[in-house]
Every structure is written in C-alpha cells, then in structure tokens.
Amino acid sequence: MQGWKSGSHRGAVTCPPTRCCAIASTVCHDHHNIACVGVDYDDMAVPVNRMAAIEGGFVVVEGGRVLAELPLPVAGLMSLEPFETVRERLVTLRAAAKSPCWGGRRAKARLDSAQGALP
C-alpha cells in the first residue's frame, strides 16, 4: 500500500485529509483496484480491509471507525440493491466524506479522487 507520504507514489490529491481519516474506493478508472487517500498507513488500512469484506465500493473512515460505506459487490462497481438503498448510502457517504478531518471541503472531490488513480 502506498500512502500520501510515500516517497515515490505521491498522489495528485489537492485536498488531502488533515488528520486521522481515510477514504477508499474500487471505482478507479481503467484498473478497478483499491485506491485509498489518507495521511497515515494505519488509518488507510481500515477502509482497505473493510473493502475486502464488502467486496468493493466506497468506505470513509475517521479515527479508525467506519463512518459510511457503499458496498458495490459486482466487480467493485455496481450494487444489487435497489436504487433507493444505494442513493441513501451515497448521501450518507458524501456527508461522511465532508467531515471536519477533510477540512469541510467538498465531499465530491474526495469521492472522485479515485478517478486519478490511473497508472
């Protein structure tokens, strides 16, 4: 796992978290591996490990605790749940991604950060 502070794999994230939080996603254009944004390896391990349990999607963590998740078990991209359920989880996920540890910045910026994971 390469983190924000790693020497050779710095991301193009313009709004990194300010403290113990992380977000992970399997919705990563072209490769659909797990992309994770955070400042601490321990914080980043929580959503990455949770991703295995939910079989892909999005996970937002703060202080080692999962704040929100959106399971996308079909290839890490799609859900089998009804639209209403997915929408409700997405609303919760976006709110969690706008927590104070992200400096209150726009949630969508973090959720879309996985799109920058192209090799």
PDB file of N, CA and C in Angstrom:
ATOM      1  N   MET A   1       0.849  -1.167   0.000  1.00  0.00           N
ATOM      2  CA  MET A   1       0.000   0.000   0.000  1.00  0.00           C
ATOM      3  C   MET A   1       0.897   1.233   0.000  1.00  0.00           C
ATOM      4  N   GLN A   2       0.644   2.126  -0.900  1.00  0.00           N
ATOM      5  CA  GLN A   2       1.393   3.374  -0.967  1.00  0.00           C
ATOM      6  C   GLN A   2       0.537   4.494  -0.422  1.00  0.00           C
ATOM      7  N   GLY A   3       1.071   5.282   0.451  1.00  0.00           N
ATOM      8  CA  GLY A   3       0.295   6.342   1.081  1.00  0.00           C
ATOM      9  C   GLY A   3       0.659   7.714   0.568  1.00  0.00           C
ATOM     10  N   TRP A   4      -0.051   8.689   1.081  1.00  0.00           N
ATOM     11  CA  TRP A   4       0.155  10.090   0.710  1.00  0.00           C
ATOM     12  C   TRP A   4       1.587  10.516   0.949  1.00  0.00           C
ATOM     13  N   LYS A   5       2.212  10.009   2.019  1.00  0.00           N
ATOM     14  CA  LYS A   5       3.568  10.422   2.375  1.00  0.00           C
ATOM     15  C   LYS A   5       4.651   9.595   1.690  1.00  0.00           C
ATOM     16  N   SER A   6       4.280   8.624   0.901  1.00  0.00           N
ATOM     17  CA  SER A   6       5.294   7.751   0.322  1.00  0.00           C
ATOM     18  C   SER A   6       6.189   8.544  -0.623  1.00  0.00           C
ATOM     19  N   GLY A   7       7.431   8.141  -0.694  1.00  0.00           N
ATOM     20  CA  GLY A   7       8.411   8.883  -1.467  1.00  0.00           C
ATOM     21  C   GLY A   7       8.196   8.871  -2.963  1.00  0.00           C
ATOM     22  N   SER A   8       7.825   7.729  -3.537  1.00  0.00           N
ATOM     23  CA  SER A   8       7.779   7.650  -4.987  1.00  0.00           C
ATOM     24  C   SER A   8       6.373   7.593  -5.571  1.00  0.00           C
ATOM     25  N   HIS A   9       5.350   7.502  -4.742  1.00  0.00           N
ATOM     26  CA  HIS A   9       3.988   7.385  -5.257  1.00  0.00           C
ATOM     27  C   HIS A   9       3.092   8.466  -4.665  1.00  0.00           C
ATOM     28  N   ARG A  10       3.437   9.684  -4.890  1.00  0.00           N
ATOM     29  CA  ARG A  10       2.602  10.780  -4.382  1.00  0.00           C
ATOM     30  C   ARG A  10       1.420  10.977  -5.314  1.00  0.00           C
ATOM     31  N   GLY A  11       0.273  11.169  -4.693  1.00  0.00           N
ATOM     32  CA  GLY A  11      -0.938  11.346  -5.481  1.00  0.00           C
ATOM     33  C   GLY A  11      -1.146  12.781  -5.894  1.00  0.00           C
ATOM     34  N   ALA A  12      -2.091  12.965  -6.777  1.00  0.00           N
ATOM     35  CA  ALA A  12      -2.463  14.296  -7.243  1.00  0.00           C
ATOM     36  C   ALA A  12      -3.700  14.769  -6.484  1.00  0.00           C
ATOM     37  N   VAL A  13      -3.754  14.485  -5.205  1.00  0.00           N
ATOM     38  CA  VAL A  13      -4.896  14.863  -4.387  1.00  0.00           C
ATOM     39  C   VAL A  13      -4.673  16.288  -3.907  1.00  0.00           C
ATOM     40  N   THR A  14      -5.575  17.172  -4.277  1.00  0.00           N
ATOM     41  CA  THR A  14      -5.402  18.572  -3.922  1.00  0.00           C
ATOM     42  C   THR A  14      -5.981  18.918  -2.561  1.00  0.00           C
ATOM     43  N   CYS A  15      -6.738  18.006  -1.976  1.00  0.00           N
ATOM     44  CA  CYS A  15      -7.319  18.279  -0.655  1.00  0.00           C
ATOM     45  C   CYS A  15      -7.160  17.052   0.227  1.00  0.00           C
ATOM     46  N   PRO A  16      -5.922  16.735   0.641  1.00  0.00           N
ATOM     47  CA  PRO A  16      -5.715  15.566   1.486  1.00  0.00           C
ATOM     48  C   PRO A  16      -6.342  15.776   2.864  1.00  0.00           C
ATOM     49  N   PRO A  17      -6.582  14.689   3.575  1.00  0.00           N
ATOM     50  CA  PRO A  17      -7.144  14.839   4.915  1.00  0.00           C
ATOM     51  C   PRO A  17      -6.168  15.566   5.830  1.00  0.00           C
ATOM     52  N   THR A  18      -6.709  16.188   6.858  1.00  0.00           N
ATOM     53  CA  THR A  18      -5.873  16.948   7.779  1.00  0.00           C
ATOM     54  C   THR A  18      -5.489  16.151   9.015  1.00  0.00           C
ATOM     55  N   ARG A  19      -6.146  15.031   9.256  1.00  0.00           N
ATOM     56  CA  ARG A  19      -5.798  14.183  10.393  1.00  0.00           C
ATOM     57  C   ARG A  19      -6.297  12.768  10.149  1.00  0.00           C
ATOM     58  N   CYS A  20      -6.533  12.008  11.194  1.00  0.00           N
ATOM     59  CA  CYS A  20      -6.773  10.567  11.124  1.00  0.00           C
ATOM     60  C   CYS A  20      -8.070  10.173  10.413  1.00  0.00           C
ATOM     61  N   CYS A  21      -8.056  10.234   9.102  1.00  0.00           N
ATOM     62  CA  CYS A  21      -9.191   9.755   8.339  1.00  0.00           C
ATOM     63  C   CYS A  21      -8.688   9.265   6.984  1.00  0.00           C
ATOM     64  N   ALA A  22      -9.519   8.481   6.332  1.00  0.00           N
ATOM     65  CA  ALA A  22      -9.148   7.948   5.027  1.00  0.00           C
ATOM     66  C   ALA A  22     -10.411   7.591   4.261  1.00  0.00           C
ATOM     67  N   ILE A  23     -10.280   7.547   2.959  1.00  0.00           N
ATOM     68  CA  ILE A  23     -11.364   7.097   2.095  1.00  0.00           C
ATOM     69  C   ILE A  23     -10.770   6.142   1.075  1.00  0.00           C
ATOM     70  N   ALA A  24     -11.498   5.059   0.807  1.00  0.00           N
ATOM     71  CA  ALA A  24     -11.035   4.078  -0.166  1.00  0.00           C
ATOM     72  C   ALA A  24     -12.162   3.784  -1.142  1.00  0.00           C
ATOM     73  N   SER A  25     -11.767   3.406  -2.349  1.00  0.00           N
ATOM     74  CA  SER A  25     -12.741   3.119  -3.394  1.00  0.00           C
ATOM     75  C   SER A  25     -12.198   2.089  -4.371  1.00  0.00           C
ATOM     76  N   THR A  26     -13.100   1.290  -4.922  1.00  0.00           N
ATOM     77  CA  THR A  26     -12.730   0.392  -6.013  1.00  0.00           C
ATOM     78  C   THR A  26     -13.218   0.940  -7.350  1.00  0.00           C
ATOM     79  N   VAL A  27     -13.864   2.101  -7.333  1.00  0.00           N
ATOM     80  CA  VAL A  27     -14.319   2.722  -8.568  1.00  0.00           C
ATOM     81  C   VAL A  27     -13.163   3.570  -9.084  1.00  0.00           C
ATOM     82  N   CYS A  28     -12.223   2.891  -9.737  1.00  0.00           N
ATOM     83  CA  CYS A  28     -10.989   3.518 -10.213  1.00  0.00           C
ATOM     84  C   CYS A  28     -10.860   3.267 -11.705  1.00  0.00           C
ATOM     85  N   HIS A  29     -10.968   4.305 -12.467  1.00  0.00           N
ATOM     86  CA  HIS A  29     -10.978   4.216 -13.923  1.00  0.00           C
ATOM     87  C   HIS A  29      -9.838   3.351 -14.451  1.00  0.00           C
ATOM     88  N   ASP A  30     -10.167   2.433 -15.281  1.00  0.00           N
ATOM     89  CA  ASP A  30      -9.292   1.528 -16.030  1.00  0.00           C
ATOM     90  C   ASP A  30      -8.766   0.316 -15.263  1.00  0.00           C
ATOM     91  N   HIS A  31      -8.461   0.434 -13.974  1.00  0.00           N
ATOM     92  CA  HIS A  31      -7.880  -0.743 -13.320  1.00  0.00           C
ATOM     93  C   HIS A  31      -8.756  -1.334 -12.223  1.00  0.00           C
ATOM     94  N   HIS A  32      -9.600  -0.566 -11.590  1.00  0.00           N
ATOM     95  CA  HIS A  32     -10.559  -1.027 -10.576  1.00  0.00           C
ATOM     96  C   HIS A  32      -9.915  -1.795  -9.422  1.00  0.00           C
ATOM     97  N   ASN A  33      -8.706  -1.398  -9.088  1.00  0.00           N
ATOM     98  CA  ASN A  33      -8.083  -1.841  -7.850  1.00  0.00           C
ATOM     99  C   ASN A  33      -8.565  -0.902  -6.753  1.00  0.00           C
ATOM    100  N   ILE A  34      -8.069  -1.076  -5.561  1.00  0.00           N
ATOM    101  CA  ILE A  34      -8.456  -0.185  -4.469  1.00  0.00           C
ATOM    102  C   ILE A  34      -7.556   1.044  -4.477  1.00  0.00           C
ATOM    103  N   ALA A  35      -8.176   2.213  -4.469  1.00  0.00           N
ATOM    104  CA  ALA A  35      -7.446   3.466  -4.289  1.00  0.00           C
ATOM    105  C   ALA A  35      -7.825   3.988  -2.909  1.00  0.00           C
ATOM    106  N   CYS A  36      -6.838   4.479  -2.172  1.00  0.00           N
ATOM    107  CA  CYS A  36      -7.095   4.969  -0.824  1.00  0.00           C
ATOM    108  C   CYS A  36      -6.354   6.283  -0.619  1.00  0.00           C
ATOM    109  N   VAL A  37      -7.056   7.255  -0.022  1.00  0.00           N
ATOM    110  CA  VAL A  37      -6.460   8.540   0.282  1.00  0.00           C
ATOM    111  C   VAL A  37      -6.460   8.710   1.793  1.00  0.00           C
ATOM    112  N   GLY A  38      -5.296   9.033   2.347  1.00  0.00           N
ATOM    113  CA  GLY A  38      -5.151   9.244   3.779  1.00  0.00           C
ATOM    114  C   GLY A  38      -3.757   9.735   4.079  1.00  0.00           C
ATOM    115  N   VAL A  39      -3.472  10.042   5.332  1.00  0.00           N
ATOM    116  CA  VAL A  39      -2.139  10.521   5.687  1.00  0.00           C
ATOM    117  C   VAL A  39      -1.383   9.541   6.571  1.00  0.00           C
ATOM    118  N   ASP A  40      -2.031   8.487   7.023  1.00  0.00           N
ATOM    119  CA  ASP A  40      -1.410   7.548   7.945  1.00  0.00           C
ATOM    120  C   ASP A  40      -1.741   6.127   7.502  1.00  0.00           C
ATOM    121  N   TYR A  41      -0.726   5.262   7.445  1.00  0.00           N
ATOM    122  CA  TYR A  41      -0.940   3.891   6.986  1.00  0.00           C
ATOM    123  C   TYR A  41      -1.970   3.143   7.823  1.00  0.00           C
ATOM    124  N   ASP A  42      -1.953   3.327   9.134  1.00  0.00           N
ATOM    125  CA  ASP A  42      -2.920   2.638   9.991  1.00  0.00           C
ATOM    126  C   ASP A  42      -4.348   3.080   9.669  1.00  0.00           C
ATOM    127  N   ASP A  43      -4.535   4.387   9.468  1.00  0.00           N
ATOM    128  CA  ASP A  43      -5.859   4.892   9.103  1.00  0.00           C
ATOM    129  C   ASP A  43      -6.294   4.377   7.739  1.00  0.00           C
ATOM    130  N   MET A  44      -5.352   4.279   6.818  1.00  0.00           N
ATOM    131  CA  MET A  44      -5.667   3.811   5.475  1.00  0.00           C
ATOM    132  C   MET A  44      -5.970   2.315   5.449  1.00  0.00           C
ATOM    133  N   ALA A  45      -5.390   1.557   6.368  1.00  0.00           N
ATOM    134  CA  ALA A  45      -5.624   0.108   6.396  1.00  0.00           C
ATOM    135  C   ALA A  45      -7.072  -0.225   6.743  1.00  0.00           C
ATOM    136  N   VAL A  46      -7.717   0.609   7.543  1.00  0.00           N
ATOM    137  CA  VAL A  46      -9.097   0.325   7.965  1.00  0.00           C
ATOM    138  C   VAL A  46     -10.050   0.263   6.765  1.00  0.00           C
ATOM    139  N   PRO A  47     -10.131   1.297   5.915  1.00  0.00           N
ATOM    140  CA  PRO A  47     -11.061   1.184   4.789  1.00  0.00           C
ATOM    141  C   PRO A  47     -10.633   0.152   3.755  1.00  0.00           C
ATOM    142  N   VAL A  48      -9.326  -0.027   3.586  1.00  0.00           N
ATOM    143  CA  VAL A  48      -8.855  -1.022   2.618  1.00  0.00           C
ATOM    144  C   VAL A  48      -9.272  -2.425   3.079  1.00  0.00           C
ATOM    145  N   ASN A  49      -9.098  -2.719   4.362  1.00  0.00           N
ATOM    146  CA  ASN A  49      -9.512  -4.029   4.877  1.00  0.00           C
ATOM    147  C   ASN A  49     -11.028  -4.189   4.855  1.00  0.00           C
ATOM    148  N   ARG A  50     -11.753  -3.124   5.132  1.00  0.00           N
ATOM    149  CA  ARG A  50     -13.214  -3.188   5.087  1.00  0.00           C
ATOM    150  C   ARG A  50     -13.690  -3.451   3.659  1.00  0.00           C
ATOM    151  N   MET A  51     -12.953  -2.919   2.696  1.00  0.00           N
ATOM    152  CA  MET A  51     -13.291  -3.117   1.290  1.00  0.00           C
ATOM    153  C   MET A  51     -13.353  -4.600   0.937  1.00  0.00           C
ATOM    154  N   ALA A  52     -12.467  -5.391   1.504  1.00  0.00           N
ATOM    155  CA  ALA A  52     -12.483  -6.829   1.249  1.00  0.00           C
ATOM    156  C   ALA A  52     -13.777  -7.460   1.766  1.00  0.00           C
ATOM    157  N   ALA A  53     -14.244  -6.998   2.904  1.00  0.00           N
ATOM    158  CA  ALA A  53     -15.453  -7.561   3.498  1.00  0.00           C
ATOM    159  C   ALA A  53     -16.712  -7.212   2.699  1.00  0.00           C
ATOM    160  N   ILE A  54     -16.756  -6.004   2.123  1.00  0.00           N
ATOM    161  CA  ILE A  54     -17.955  -5.597   1.381  1.00  0.00           C
ATOM    162  C   ILE A  54     -17.811  -5.843  -0.124  1.00  0.00           C
ATOM    163  N   GLU A  55     -16.668  -6.384  -0.541  1.00  0.00           N
ATOM    164  CA  GLU A  55     -16.403  -6.759  -1.931  1.00  0.00           C
ATOM    165  C   GLU A  55     -16.386  -5.575  -2.883  1.00  0.00           C
ATOM    166  N   GLY A  56     -15.857  -4.451  -2.410  1.00  0.00           N
ATOM    167  CA  GLY A  56     -15.694  -3.286  -3.267  1.00  0.00           C
ATOM    168  C   GLY A  56     -16.721  -2.208  -2.993  1.00  0.00           C
ATOM    169  N   GLY A  57     -16.412  -1.005  -3.479  1.00  0.00           N
ATOM    170  CA  GLY A  57     -17.292   0.137  -3.291  1.00  0.00           C
ATOM    171  C   GLY A  57     -16.536   1.325  -2.746  1.00  0.00           C
ATOM    172  N   PHE A  58     -17.131   1.997  -1.752  1.00  0.00           N
ATOM    173  CA  PHE A  58     -16.530   3.150  -1.089  1.00  0.00           C
ATOM    174  C   PHE A  58     -16.602   2.954   0.422  1.00  0.00           C
ATOM    175  N   VAL A  59     -15.562   3.375   1.134  1.00  0.00           N
ATOM    176  CA  VAL A  59     -15.554   3.342   2.589  1.00  0.00           C
ATOM    177  C   VAL A  59     -14.884   4.618   3.092  1.00  0.00           C
ATOM    178  N   VAL A  60     -15.535   5.302   4.042  1.00  0.00           N
ATOM    179  CA  VAL A  60     -14.987   6.504   4.669  1.00  0.00           C
ATOM    180  C   VAL A  60     -14.756   6.190   6.140  1.00  0.00           C
ATOM    181  N   VAL A  61     -13.545   6.485   6.622  1.00  0.00           N
ATOM    182  CA  VAL A  61     -13.143   6.174   7.990  1.00  0.00           C
ATOM    183  C   VAL A  61     -12.602   7.427   8.665  1.00  0.00           C
ATOM    184  N   GLU A  62     -12.901   7.573   9.934  1.00  0.00           N
ATOM    185  CA  GLU A  62     -12.299   8.632  10.743  1.00  0.00           C
ATOM    186  C   GLU A  62     -11.971   8.048  12.106  1.00  0.00           C
ATOM    187  N   GLY A  63     -10.744   8.246  12.560  1.00  0.00           N
ATOM    188  CA  GLY A  63     -10.327   7.748  13.865  1.00  0.00           C
ATOM    189  C   GLY A  63     -10.433   6.240  13.998  1.00  0.00           C
ATOM    190  N   GLY A  64     -10.211   5.516  12.897  1.00  0.00           N
ATOM    191  CA  GLY A  64     -10.268   4.056  12.932  1.00  0.00           C
ATOM    192  C   GLY A  64     -11.674   3.486  12.911  1.00  0.00           C
ATOM    193  N   ARG A  65     -12.681   4.339  12.748  1.00  0.00           N
ATOM    194  CA  ARG A  65     -14.079   3.903  12.765  1.00  0.00           C
ATOM    195  C   ARG A  65     -14.715   4.185  11.406  1.00  0.00           C
ATOM    196  N   VAL A  66     -15.436   3.207  10.874  1.00  0.00           N
ATOM    197  CA  VAL A  66     -16.123   3.389   9.604  1.00  0.00           C
ATOM    198  C   VAL A  66     -17.298   4.341   9.809  1.00  0.00           C
ATOM    199  N   LEU A  67     -17.267   5.475   9.109  1.00  0.00           N
ATOM    200  CA  LEU A  67     -18.365   6.438   9.177  1.00  0.00           C
ATOM    201  C   LEU A  67     -19.467   6.098   8.183  1.00  0.00           C
ATOM    202  N   ALA A  68     -19.073   5.632   7.012  1.00  0.00           N
ATOM    203  CA  ALA A  68     -20.047   5.309   5.969  1.00  0.00           C
ATOM    204  C   ALA A  68     -19.396   4.387   4.950  1.00  0.00           C
ATOM    205  N   GLU A  69     -20.248   3.625   4.288  1.00  0.00           N
ATOM    206  CA  GLU A  69     -19.757   2.764   3.222  1.00  0.00           C
ATOM    207  C   GLU A  69     -20.863   2.557   2.200  1.00  0.00           C
ATOM    208  N   LEU A  70     -20.444   2.288   0.985  1.00  0.00           N
ATOM    209  CA  LEU A  70     -21.361   1.951  -0.088  1.00  0.00           C
ATOM    210  C   LEU A  70     -20.822   0.686  -0.738  1.00  0.00           C
ATOM    211  N   PRO A  71     -21.360  -0.475  -0.375  1.00  0.00           N
ATOM    212  CA  PRO A  71     -20.895  -1.722  -0.985  1.00  0.00           C
ATOM    213  C   PRO A  71     -21.269  -1.780  -2.464  1.00  0.00           C
ATOM    214  N   LEU A  72     -20.305  -2.136  -3.288  1.00  0.00           N
ATOM    215  CA  LEU A  72     -20.525  -2.334  -4.724  1.00  0.00           C
ATOM    216  C   LEU A  72     -19.923  -3.687  -5.090  1.00  0.00           C
ATOM    217  N   PRO A  73     -20.591  -4.785  -4.724  1.00  0.00           N
ATOM    218  CA  PRO A  73     -20.010  -6.110  -4.865  1.00  0.00           C
ATOM    219  C   PRO A  73     -19.907  -6.659  -6.289  1.00  0.00           C
ATOM    220  N   VAL A  74     -20.573  -6.063  -7.241  1.00  0.00           N
ATOM    221  CA  VAL A  74     -20.489  -6.549  -8.615  1.00  0.00           C
ATOM    222  C   VAL A  74     -19.297  -5.869  -9.282  1.00  0.00           C
ATOM    223  N   ALA A  75     -18.182  -6.588  -9.316  1.00  0.00           N
ATOM    224  CA  ALA A  75     -16.927  -6.109  -9.903  1.00  0.00           C
ATOM    225  C   ALA A  75     -16.402  -4.851  -9.213  1.00  0.00           C
ATOM    226  N   GLY A  76     -16.849  -4.569  -7.992  1.00  0.00           N
ATOM    227  CA  GLY A  76     -16.420  -3.372  -7.282  1.00  0.00           C
ATOM    228  C   GLY A  76     -16.972  -2.095  -7.863  1.00  0.00           C
ATOM    229  N   LEU A  77     -17.981  -2.233  -8.749  1.00  0.00           N
ATOM    230  CA  LEU A  77     -18.527  -1.093  -9.471  1.00  0.00           C
ATOM    231  C   LEU A  77     -20.034  -0.921  -9.348  1.00  0.00           C
ATOM    232  N   MET A  78     -20.743  -2.020  -9.116  1.00  0.00           N
ATOM    233  CA  MET A  78     -22.201  -1.962  -9.141  1.00  0.00           C
ATOM    234  C   MET A  78     -22.797  -2.657  -7.918  1.00  0.00           C
ATOM    235  N   SER A  79     -24.020  -2.256  -7.608  1.00  0.00           N
ATOM    236  CA  SER A  79     -24.747  -2.830  -6.487  1.00  0.00           C
ATOM    237  C   SER A  79     -25.937  -3.631  -6.992  1.00  0.00           C
ATOM    238  N   LEU A  80     -26.343  -4.608  -6.203  1.00  0.00           N
ATOM    239  CA  LEU A  80     -27.558  -5.358  -6.495  1.00  0.00           C
ATOM    240  C   LEU A  80     -28.737  -4.829  -5.690  1.00  0.00           C
ATOM    241  N   GLU A  81     -28.469  -3.817  -4.860  1.00  0.00           N
ATOM    242  CA  GLU A  81     -29.510  -3.220  -4.018  1.00  0.00           C
ATOM    243  C   GLU A  81     -30.405  -2.315  -4.857  1.00  0.00           C
ATOM    244  N   PRO A  82     -31.618  -2.049  -4.390  1.00  0.00           N
ATOM    245  CA  PRO A  82     -32.497  -1.114  -5.103  1.00  0.00           C
ATOM    246  C   PRO A  82     -31.893   0.289  -5.144  1.00  0.00           C
ATOM    247  N   PHE A  83     -32.298   1.057  -6.140  1.00  0.00           N
ATOM    248  CA  PHE A  83     -31.806   2.414  -6.321  1.00  0.00           C
ATOM    249  C   PHE A  83     -31.922   3.228  -5.032  1.00  0.00           C
ATOM    250  N   GLU A  84     -33.065   3.133  -4.356  1.00  0.00           N
ATOM    251  CA  GLU A  84     -33.316   3.925  -3.157  1.00  0.00           C
ATOM    252  C   GLU A  84     -32.286   3.635  -2.063  1.00  0.00           C
ATOM    253  N   THR A  85     -31.911   2.377  -1.917  1.00  0.00           N
ATOM    254  CA  THR A  85     -30.914   1.989  -0.919  1.00  0.00           C
ATOM    255  C   THR A  85     -29.543   2.551  -1.276  1.00  0.00           C
ATOM    256  N   VAL A  86     -29.172   2.425  -2.541  1.00  0.00           N
ATOM    257  CA  VAL A  86     -27.874   2.945  -2.998  1.00  0.00           C
ATOM    258  C   VAL A  86     -27.832   4.460  -2.828  1.00  0.00           C
ATOM    259  N   ARG A  87     -28.900   5.134  -3.195  1.00  0.00           N
ATOM    260  CA  ARG A  87     -28.949   6.587  -3.062  1.00  0.00           C
ATOM    261  C   ARG A  87     -28.801   7.012  -1.600  1.00  0.00           C
ATOM    262  N   GLU A  88     -29.501   6.342  -0.707  1.00  0.00           N
ATOM    263  CA  GLU A  88     -29.423   6.667   0.724  1.00  0.00           C
ATOM    264  C   GLU A  88     -28.000   6.496   1.251  1.00  0.00           C
ATOM    265  N   ARG A  89     -27.362   5.410   0.863  1.00  0.00           N
ATOM    266  CA  ARG A  89     -25.979   5.173   1.306  1.00  0.00           C
ATOM    267  C   ARG A  89     -25.016   6.185   0.699  1.00  0.00           C
ATOM    268  N   LEU A  90     -25.278   6.590  -0.534  1.00  0.00           N
ATOM    269  CA  LEU A  90     -24.416   7.576  -1.180  1.00  0.00           C
ATOM    270  C   LEU A  90     -24.539   8.940  -0.506  1.00  0.00           C
ATOM    271  N   VAL A  91     -25.740   9.318  -0.136  1.00  0.00           N
ATOM    272  CA  VAL A  91     -25.947  10.581   0.586  1.00  0.00           C
ATOM    273  C   VAL A  91     -25.180  10.554   1.906  1.00  0.00           C
ATOM    274  N   THR A  92     -25.277   9.451   2.631  1.00  0.00           N
ATOM    275  CA  THR A  92     -24.556   9.292   3.903  1.00  0.00           C
ATOM    276  C   THR A  92     -23.049   9.316   3.672  1.00  0.00           C
ATOM    277  N   LEU A  93     -22.603   8.638   2.623  1.00  0.00           N
ATOM    278  CA  LEU A  93     -21.183   8.586   2.295  1.00  0.00           C
ATOM    279  C   LEU A  93     -20.641   9.975   1.977  1.00  0.00           C
ATOM    280  N   ARG A  94     -21.361  10.734   1.181  1.00  0.00           N
ATOM    281  CA  ARG A  94     -20.911  12.093   0.833  1.00  0.00           C
ATOM    282  C   ARG A  94     -20.849  12.993   2.055  1.00  0.00           C
ATOM    283  N   ALA A  95     -21.804  12.841   2.958  1.00  0.00           N
ATOM    284  CA  ALA A  95     -21.782  13.632   4.193  1.00  0.00           C
ATOM    285  C   ALA A  95     -20.577  13.254   5.044  1.00  0.00           C
ATOM    286  N   ALA A  96     -20.284  11.961   5.140  1.00  0.00           N
ATOM    287  CA  ALA A  96     -19.135  11.497   5.925  1.00  0.00           C
ATOM    288  C   ALA A  96     -17.826  11.974   5.316  1.00  0.00           C
ATOM    289  N   ALA A  97     -17.766  12.014   3.992  1.00  0.00           N
ATOM    290  CA  ALA A  97     -16.546  12.459   3.309  1.00  0.00           C
ATOM    291  C   ALA A  97     -16.337  13.958   3.427  1.00  0.00           C
ATOM    292  N   LYS A  98     -17.303  14.653   4.006  1.00  0.00           N
ATOM    293  CA  LYS A  98     -17.169  16.090   4.212  1.00  0.00           C
ATOM    294  C   LYS A  98     -16.963  16.380   5.699  1.00  0.00           C
ATOM    295  N   SER A  99     -16.488  15.380   6.436  1.00  0.00           N
ATOM    296  CA  SER A  99     -16.266  15.540   7.871  1.00  0.00           C
ATOM    297  C   SER A  99     -15.158  16.555   8.125  1.00  0.00           C
ATOM    298  N   PRO A 100     -15.049  17.035   9.369  1.00  0.00           N
ATOM    299  CA  PRO A 100     -14.021  18.038   9.693  1.00  0.00           C
ATOM    300  C   PRO A 100     -12.591  17.606   9.376  1.00  0.00           C
ATOM    301  N   CYS A 101     -12.305  16.303   9.390  1.00  0.00           N
ATOM    302  CA  CYS A 101     -10.926  15.887   9.117  1.00  0.00           C
ATOM    303  C   CYS A 101     -10.515  16.199   7.685  1.00  0.00           C
ATOM    304  N   TRP A 102     -11.482  16.416   6.820  1.00  0.00           N
ATOM    305  CA  TRP A 102     -11.182  16.799   5.450  1.00  0.00           C
ATOM    306  C   TRP A 102     -11.206  18.313   5.302  1.00  0.00           C
ATOM    307  N   GLY A 103     -11.284  19.012   6.403  1.00  0.00           N
ATOM    308  CA  GLY A 103     -11.306  20.463   6.363  1.00  0.00           C
ATOM    309  C   GLY A 103     -12.633  21.014   5.880  1.00  0.00           C
ATOM    310  N   GLY A 104     -13.686  20.165   5.883  1.00  0.00           N
ATOM    311  CA  GLY A 104     -15.010  20.597   5.450  1.00  0.00           C
ATOM    312  C   GLY A 104     -15.092  20.880   3.965  1.00  0.00           C
ATOM    313  N   ARG A 105     -14.099  20.424   3.215  1.00  0.00           N
ATOM    314  CA  ARG A 105     -14.099  20.666   1.770  1.00  0.00           C
ATOM    315  C   ARG A 105     -15.193  19.843   1.099  1.00  0.00           C
ATOM    316  N   ARG A 106     -15.437  20.142  -0.147  1.00  0.00           N
ATOM    317  CA  ARG A 106     -16.467  19.450  -0.905  1.00  0.00           C
ATOM    318  C   ARG A 106     -16.259  17.941  -0.888  1.00  0.00           C
ATOM    319  N   ALA A 107     -17.271  17.198  -0.535  1.00  0.00           N
ATOM    320  CA  ALA A 107     -17.189  15.744  -0.461  1.00  0.00           C
ATOM    321  C   ALA A 107     -16.882  15.128  -1.810  1.00  0.00           C
ATOM    322  N   LYS A 108     -17.467  15.642  -2.857  1.00  0.00           N
ATOM    323  CA  LYS A 108     -17.306  15.042  -4.175  1.00  0.00           C
ATOM    324  C   LYS A 108     -15.849  14.989  -4.600  1.00  0.00           C
ATOM    325  N   ALA A 109     -15.067  15.944  -4.170  1.00  0.00           N
ATOM    326  CA  ALA A 109     -13.646  15.949  -4.545  1.00  0.00           C
ATOM    327  C   ALA A 109     -12.949  14.692  -4.061  1.00  0.00           C
ATOM    328  N   ARG A 110     -13.258  14.254  -2.838  1.00  0.00           N
ATOM    329  CA  ARG A 110     -12.647  13.041  -2.330  1.00  0.00           C
ATOM    330  C   ARG A 110     -13.212  11.789  -2.965  1.00  0.00           C
ATOM    331  N   LEU A 111     -14.498  11.756  -3.194  1.00  0.00           N
ATOM    332  CA  LEU A 111     -15.095  10.584  -3.813  1.00  0.00           C
ATOM    333  C   LEU A 111     -14.619  10.413  -5.240  1.00  0.00           C
ATOM    334  N   ASP A 112     -14.320  11.500  -5.918  1.00  0.00           N
ATOM    335  CA  ASP A 112     -13.831  11.435  -7.275  1.00  0.00           C
ATOM    336  C   ASP A 112     -12.317  11.238  -7.342  1.00  0.00           C
ATOM    337  N   SER A 113     -11.638  11.295  -6.204  1.00  0.00           N
ATOM    338  CA  SER A 113     -10.177  11.201  -6.228  1.00  0.00           C
ATOM    339  C   SER A 113      -9.700   9.872  -6.782  1.00  0.00           C
ATOM    340  N   ALA A 114     -10.525   8.844  -6.687  1.00  0.00           N
ATOM    341  CA  ALA A 114     -10.138   7.537  -7.222  1.00  0.00           C
ATOM    342  C   ALA A 114     -10.000   7.581  -8.743  1.00  0.00           C
ATOM    343  N   GLN A 115     -10.632   8.536  -9.386  1.00  0.00           N
ATOM    344  CA  GLN A 115     -10.507   8.648 -10.838  1.00  0.00           C
ATOM    345  C   GLN A 115      -9.095   9.054 -11.233  1.00  0.00           C
ATOM    346  N   GLY A 116      -8.332   9.588 -10.310  1.00  0.00           N
ATOM    347  CA  GLY A 116      -6.953   9.971 -10.600  1.00  0.00           C
ATOM    348  C   GLY A 116      -5.972   8.850 -10.365  1.00  0.00           C
ATOM    349  N   ALA A 117      -6.464   7.624 -10.210  1.00  0.00           N
ATOM    350  CA  ALA A 117      -5.597   6.504  -9.872  1.00  0.00           C
ATOM    351  C   ALA A 117      -5.028   5.787 -11.093  1.00  0.00           C
ATOM    352  N   LEU A 118      -5.111   6.405 -12.217  1.00  0.00           N
ATOM    353  CA  LEU A 118      -4.561   5.779 -13.413  1.00  0.00           C
ATOM    354  C   LEU A 118      -3.043   5.630 -13.289  1.00  0.00           C
ATOM    355  N   PRO A 119      -2.496   4.508 -13.743  1.00  0.00           N
ATOM    356  CA  PRO A 119      -1.036   4.322 -13.648  1.00  0.00           C
ATOM    357  C   PRO A 119      -0.281   5.262 -14.559  1.00  0.00           C
TER     358      PRO A 119
END
